[in-house]
N, C-alpha and C. Protein backbone atom coordinates (compact mmCIF):
# COMPACT_ATOMS: atom_id res chain seq x y z
N MET A 1 -33.80 31.91 72.71
CA MET A 1 -32.42 32.06 73.18
C MET A 1 -31.79 30.67 73.19
N SER A 2 -30.64 30.55 72.58
CA SER A 2 -29.96 29.26 72.55
C SER A 2 -28.62 29.37 73.27
N SER A 3 -28.00 28.23 73.42
CA SER A 3 -26.72 28.17 74.11
C SER A 3 -25.75 27.40 73.24
N SER A 4 -24.51 27.85 73.18
CA SER A 4 -23.51 27.12 72.41
C SER A 4 -22.88 26.00 73.24
N HIS A 5 -23.10 26.02 74.56
CA HIS A 5 -22.58 24.97 75.44
C HIS A 5 -23.74 24.32 76.17
N GLN A 6 -24.28 23.27 75.60
CA GLN A 6 -25.42 22.59 76.21
C GLN A 6 -24.98 21.77 77.42
N LEU A 7 -25.66 21.99 78.53
CA LEU A 7 -25.41 21.21 79.74
C LEU A 7 -26.17 19.90 79.61
N THR A 8 -25.48 18.79 79.80
CA THR A 8 -26.13 17.49 79.67
C THR A 8 -26.40 16.81 81.01
N LYS A 9 -25.64 17.24 82.06
CA LYS A 9 -25.82 16.63 83.37
C LYS A 9 -25.32 17.58 84.45
N ILE A 10 -26.09 17.64 85.55
CA ILE A 10 -25.65 18.36 86.73
C ILE A 10 -26.13 17.56 87.94
N VAL A 11 -25.17 17.07 88.71
CA VAL A 11 -25.48 16.22 89.87
C VAL A 11 -24.51 16.53 91.01
N PRO A 12 -24.92 16.24 92.25
CA PRO A 12 -23.97 16.37 93.36
C PRO A 12 -22.79 15.44 93.13
N SER A 13 -21.61 15.88 93.46
CA SER A 13 -20.42 15.06 93.28
C SER A 13 -20.42 13.89 94.26
N SER A 14 -20.13 12.72 93.75
CA SER A 14 -20.02 11.55 94.62
C SER A 14 -18.62 11.45 95.22
N GLN A 15 -17.68 12.20 94.68
CA GLN A 15 -16.29 12.15 95.11
C GLN A 15 -15.91 13.28 96.07
N LYS A 16 -16.53 14.44 95.91
CA LYS A 16 -16.16 15.61 96.69
C LYS A 16 -17.40 16.21 97.35
N PRO A 17 -17.43 16.24 98.68
CA PRO A 17 -18.56 16.87 99.35
C PRO A 17 -18.63 18.37 99.02
N HIS A 18 -19.81 18.92 98.98
CA HIS A 18 -20.04 20.34 98.72
C HIS A 18 -19.59 20.76 97.32
N HIS A 19 -19.64 19.82 96.38
CA HIS A 19 -19.31 20.09 94.99
C HIS A 19 -20.40 19.54 94.07
N VAL A 20 -20.48 20.11 92.89
CA VAL A 20 -21.42 19.66 91.87
C VAL A 20 -20.62 19.24 90.63
N GLU A 21 -21.10 18.21 89.97
CA GLU A 21 -20.49 17.76 88.71
C GLU A 21 -21.35 18.25 87.56
N LEU A 22 -20.72 18.90 86.60
CA LEU A 22 -21.41 19.41 85.42
C LEU A 22 -20.78 18.79 84.18
N SER A 23 -21.61 18.29 83.28
CA SER A 23 -21.13 17.73 82.02
C SER A 23 -21.80 18.48 80.88
N PHE A 24 -21.02 18.72 79.83
CA PHE A 24 -21.51 19.47 78.69
C PHE A 24 -21.48 18.61 77.43
N GLU A 25 -22.24 19.05 76.44
CA GLU A 25 -22.41 18.31 75.19
C GLU A 25 -21.09 18.08 74.45
N ASP A 26 -20.10 18.94 74.68
CA ASP A 26 -18.81 18.77 74.00
C ASP A 26 -17.95 17.68 74.64
N GLY A 27 -18.50 17.00 75.67
CA GLY A 27 -17.79 15.91 76.33
C GLY A 27 -16.97 16.34 77.54
N LYS A 28 -16.88 17.64 77.79
CA LYS A 28 -16.11 18.12 78.94
C LYS A 28 -16.96 18.06 80.20
N SER A 29 -16.31 17.66 81.30
CA SER A 29 -16.96 17.59 82.61
C SER A 29 -16.12 18.34 83.62
N PHE A 30 -16.79 18.91 84.60
CA PHE A 30 -16.13 19.72 85.61
C PHE A 30 -16.72 19.43 86.98
N THR A 31 -15.94 19.64 88.01
CA THR A 31 -16.41 19.57 89.39
C THR A 31 -16.19 20.95 89.99
N LEU A 32 -17.27 21.52 90.49
CA LEU A 32 -17.25 22.90 90.96
C LEU A 32 -17.79 22.98 92.39
N PRO A 33 -17.15 23.73 93.27
CA PRO A 33 -17.68 23.89 94.63
C PRO A 33 -19.03 24.61 94.62
N TYR A 34 -19.95 24.16 95.45
CA TYR A 34 -21.25 24.84 95.57
C TYR A 34 -21.06 26.32 95.85
N LEU A 35 -20.11 26.64 96.72
CA LEU A 35 -19.88 28.03 97.11
C LEU A 35 -19.55 28.90 95.90
N GLU A 36 -18.72 28.40 94.98
CA GLU A 36 -18.38 29.16 93.77
C GLU A 36 -19.61 29.37 92.90
N LEU A 37 -20.41 28.34 92.77
CA LEU A 37 -21.62 28.43 91.95
C LEU A 37 -22.60 29.43 92.57
N ARG A 38 -22.78 29.38 93.87
CA ARG A 38 -23.68 30.32 94.54
C ARG A 38 -23.16 31.74 94.42
N PHE A 39 -21.87 31.93 94.63
CA PHE A 39 -21.27 33.25 94.54
C PHE A 39 -21.42 33.85 93.15
N ASP A 40 -21.39 33.03 92.13
CA ASP A 40 -21.45 33.51 90.75
C ASP A 40 -22.88 33.77 90.27
N CYS A 41 -23.85 33.78 91.15
CA CYS A 41 -25.23 34.04 90.76
C CYS A 41 -25.31 35.37 90.00
N PRO A 42 -25.94 35.37 88.83
CA PRO A 42 -25.98 36.57 88.01
C PRO A 42 -27.19 37.49 88.25
N CYS A 43 -28.00 37.22 89.25
CA CYS A 43 -29.24 37.98 89.44
C CYS A 43 -28.98 39.41 89.92
N ALA A 44 -30.02 40.24 89.86
CA ALA A 44 -29.90 41.65 90.25
C ALA A 44 -29.67 41.84 91.74
N THR A 45 -29.95 40.84 92.56
CA THR A 45 -29.65 40.93 93.98
C THR A 45 -28.15 40.76 94.22
N CYS A 46 -27.50 39.99 93.37
CA CYS A 46 -26.08 39.67 93.54
C CYS A 46 -25.15 40.52 92.68
N VAL A 47 -25.70 41.12 91.63
CA VAL A 47 -24.92 41.94 90.71
C VAL A 47 -25.70 43.22 90.42
N ASP A 48 -25.04 44.37 90.54
CA ASP A 48 -25.70 45.64 90.25
C ASP A 48 -26.09 45.68 88.77
N GLU A 49 -27.37 45.92 88.51
CA GLU A 49 -27.87 45.91 87.14
C GLU A 49 -27.28 47.02 86.27
N MET A 50 -26.98 48.15 86.87
CA MET A 50 -26.49 49.29 86.11
C MET A 50 -24.99 49.20 85.81
N THR A 51 -24.22 48.74 86.78
CA THR A 51 -22.76 48.73 86.61
C THR A 51 -22.20 47.36 86.26
N GLY A 52 -22.96 46.30 86.58
CA GLY A 52 -22.46 44.95 86.38
C GLY A 52 -21.52 44.50 87.47
N LYS A 53 -21.33 45.36 88.48
CA LYS A 53 -20.43 45.04 89.59
C LYS A 53 -21.11 44.08 90.56
N ARG A 54 -20.35 43.06 90.97
CA ARG A 54 -20.88 42.09 91.92
C ARG A 54 -21.06 42.76 93.27
N THR A 55 -22.28 42.67 93.82
CA THR A 55 -22.58 43.26 95.12
C THR A 55 -22.53 42.21 96.23
N LEU A 56 -22.69 40.96 95.86
CA LEU A 56 -22.61 39.87 96.83
C LEU A 56 -21.15 39.67 97.25
N ARG A 57 -20.92 39.57 98.53
CA ARG A 57 -19.57 39.31 99.05
C ARG A 57 -19.46 37.82 99.40
N LYS A 58 -18.41 37.20 98.95
CA LYS A 58 -18.24 35.77 99.19
C LYS A 58 -18.22 35.45 100.69
N GLU A 59 -17.60 36.32 101.47
CA GLU A 59 -17.51 36.07 102.91
C GLU A 59 -18.88 36.17 103.60
N SER A 60 -19.88 36.70 102.92
CA SER A 60 -21.22 36.76 103.51
C SER A 60 -21.98 35.44 103.34
N LEU A 61 -21.45 34.55 102.51
CA LEU A 61 -22.10 33.26 102.27
C LEU A 61 -21.64 32.22 103.29
N LYS A 62 -22.56 31.34 103.67
CA LYS A 62 -22.18 30.25 104.55
C LYS A 62 -21.36 29.24 103.74
N PRO A 63 -20.27 28.73 104.29
CA PRO A 63 -19.43 27.81 103.53
C PRO A 63 -20.12 26.50 103.17
N ASP A 64 -21.21 26.16 103.88
CA ASP A 64 -21.91 24.92 103.58
C ASP A 64 -23.16 25.12 102.72
N VAL A 65 -23.25 26.30 102.05
CA VAL A 65 -24.40 26.55 101.18
C VAL A 65 -24.49 25.46 100.12
N LYS A 66 -25.72 25.05 99.79
CA LYS A 66 -25.88 23.99 98.78
C LYS A 66 -27.19 24.18 98.03
N PRO A 67 -27.27 23.64 96.82
CA PRO A 67 -28.52 23.72 96.07
C PRO A 67 -29.57 22.80 96.69
N MET A 68 -30.78 23.29 96.81
CA MET A 68 -31.89 22.49 97.32
C MET A 68 -32.74 21.97 96.17
N LYS A 69 -32.77 22.74 95.08
CA LYS A 69 -33.58 22.37 93.92
C LYS A 69 -32.95 22.99 92.67
N ILE A 70 -32.81 22.19 91.62
CA ILE A 70 -32.28 22.67 90.35
C ILE A 70 -33.29 22.32 89.27
N GLU A 71 -33.70 23.33 88.51
CA GLU A 71 -34.69 23.12 87.46
C GLU A 71 -34.20 23.70 86.14
N PRO A 72 -34.54 23.07 85.02
CA PRO A 72 -34.16 23.63 83.73
C PRO A 72 -34.97 24.89 83.42
N VAL A 73 -34.35 25.80 82.68
CA VAL A 73 -35.02 26.98 82.15
C VAL A 73 -34.89 26.88 80.64
N GLY A 74 -35.95 26.48 80.00
CA GLY A 74 -35.90 26.27 78.55
C GLY A 74 -34.80 25.29 78.18
N ARG A 75 -34.12 25.59 77.08
CA ARG A 75 -33.00 24.76 76.63
C ARG A 75 -31.69 25.50 76.75
N TYR A 76 -31.65 26.50 77.65
CA TYR A 76 -30.47 27.36 77.71
C TYR A 76 -29.95 27.64 79.12
N GLY A 77 -30.63 27.18 80.16
CA GLY A 77 -30.15 27.50 81.49
C GLY A 77 -30.79 26.68 82.59
N ILE A 78 -30.40 26.99 83.82
CA ILE A 78 -30.97 26.34 85.00
C ILE A 78 -31.30 27.39 86.06
N HIS A 79 -32.25 27.07 86.88
CA HIS A 79 -32.63 27.89 88.03
C HIS A 79 -32.29 27.07 89.27
N ILE A 80 -31.66 27.70 90.26
CA ILE A 80 -31.25 27.00 91.47
C ILE A 80 -31.88 27.67 92.69
N GLU A 81 -32.49 26.86 93.55
CA GLU A 81 -32.93 27.33 94.86
C GLU A 81 -31.88 26.87 95.86
N TRP A 82 -31.35 27.82 96.63
CA TRP A 82 -30.23 27.56 97.52
C TRP A 82 -30.66 27.39 98.96
N SER A 83 -29.84 26.72 99.75
CA SER A 83 -30.12 26.46 101.17
C SER A 83 -30.15 27.76 101.98
N ASP A 84 -29.57 28.84 101.46
CA ASP A 84 -29.61 30.13 102.18
C ASP A 84 -30.86 30.93 101.85
N GLY A 85 -31.79 30.31 101.10
CA GLY A 85 -33.05 30.96 100.76
C GLY A 85 -33.02 31.74 99.46
N HIS A 86 -31.86 31.89 98.84
CA HIS A 86 -31.75 32.62 97.58
C HIS A 86 -32.33 31.79 96.44
N ARG A 87 -33.14 32.43 95.58
CA ARG A 87 -33.75 31.67 94.49
C ARG A 87 -34.10 32.52 93.28
N THR A 88 -33.38 33.62 93.08
CA THR A 88 -33.74 34.50 91.96
C THR A 88 -32.79 34.41 90.77
N GLY A 89 -31.74 33.65 90.86
CA GLY A 89 -30.77 33.61 89.77
C GLY A 89 -31.08 32.54 88.72
N MET A 90 -30.81 32.88 87.46
CA MET A 90 -30.91 31.94 86.36
C MET A 90 -29.52 31.85 85.74
N TYR A 91 -28.99 30.64 85.70
CA TYR A 91 -27.64 30.42 85.19
C TYR A 91 -27.72 29.94 83.73
N HIS A 92 -27.28 30.76 82.81
CA HIS A 92 -27.23 30.40 81.39
C HIS A 92 -26.14 29.36 81.20
N PHE A 93 -26.35 28.37 80.33
CA PHE A 93 -25.36 27.32 80.12
C PHE A 93 -24.00 27.88 79.73
N ASP A 94 -23.97 28.90 78.88
CA ASP A 94 -22.68 29.47 78.47
C ASP A 94 -21.95 30.10 79.66
N THR A 95 -22.72 30.72 80.57
CA THR A 95 -22.14 31.31 81.77
C THR A 95 -21.57 30.21 82.67
N LEU A 96 -22.31 29.11 82.80
CA LEU A 96 -21.84 27.98 83.60
C LEU A 96 -20.55 27.40 83.02
N TYR A 97 -20.51 27.27 81.72
CA TYR A 97 -19.32 26.72 81.06
C TYR A 97 -18.11 27.61 81.32
N LYS A 98 -18.31 28.92 81.18
CA LYS A 98 -17.21 29.86 81.43
C LYS A 98 -16.76 29.77 82.89
N LEU A 99 -17.72 29.70 83.81
CA LEU A 99 -17.37 29.57 85.22
C LEU A 99 -16.56 28.30 85.46
N CYS A 100 -17.00 27.22 84.86
CA CYS A 100 -16.28 25.94 85.04
C CYS A 100 -14.86 26.02 84.51
N THR A 101 -14.67 26.65 83.39
CA THR A 101 -13.32 26.71 82.79
C THR A 101 -12.41 27.68 83.52
N THR A 102 -12.98 28.59 84.31
CA THR A 102 -12.14 29.53 85.06
C THR A 102 -12.03 29.19 86.54
N ALA A 103 -13.09 28.63 87.13
CA ALA A 103 -13.09 28.39 88.58
C ALA A 103 -12.73 26.95 88.97
N ALA A 104 -12.97 26.00 88.07
CA ALA A 104 -12.64 24.60 88.39
C ALA A 104 -11.13 24.43 88.33
N LYS A 105 -10.60 23.69 89.28
CA LYS A 105 -9.16 23.44 89.28
C LYS A 105 -8.81 22.56 88.07
N PRO A 106 -7.66 22.80 87.45
CA PRO A 106 -7.29 22.04 86.25
C PRO A 106 -7.36 20.53 86.42
N ASP A 107 -7.01 20.02 87.60
CA ASP A 107 -7.03 18.58 87.78
C ASP A 107 -8.45 18.05 87.93
N LEU A 108 -9.44 18.94 88.06
CA LEU A 108 -10.83 18.51 88.17
C LEU A 108 -11.53 18.53 86.83
N ALA A 109 -11.02 19.29 85.87
CA ALA A 109 -11.67 19.39 84.58
C ALA A 109 -11.18 18.28 83.66
N ASN A 110 -12.13 17.71 82.91
CA ASN A 110 -11.78 16.65 81.95
C ASN A 110 -11.51 17.27 80.61
């Protein structure tokens, strides 16, 4: 499985608390709130496998949720262990890129 949007860097933001900075091979960089990233988890606990409908409610998440551990999954995604104990989601690079282009505020995207 390959990705058309290779992630080159993911680090906590030094400018914005509770945000992560993501950089992609095409030179674009984004700053995204941890909460948005956690809410967008694509796993079967957060999204109904049969309907594709999101079952996770944003208001059920703690506003200070943050990644505790981020690991690569092959050359196409990352796995995140969250401070709320959630650890079953795998974020494909293309999914992350789409999230960044839709959820990141325009003034935060390069």
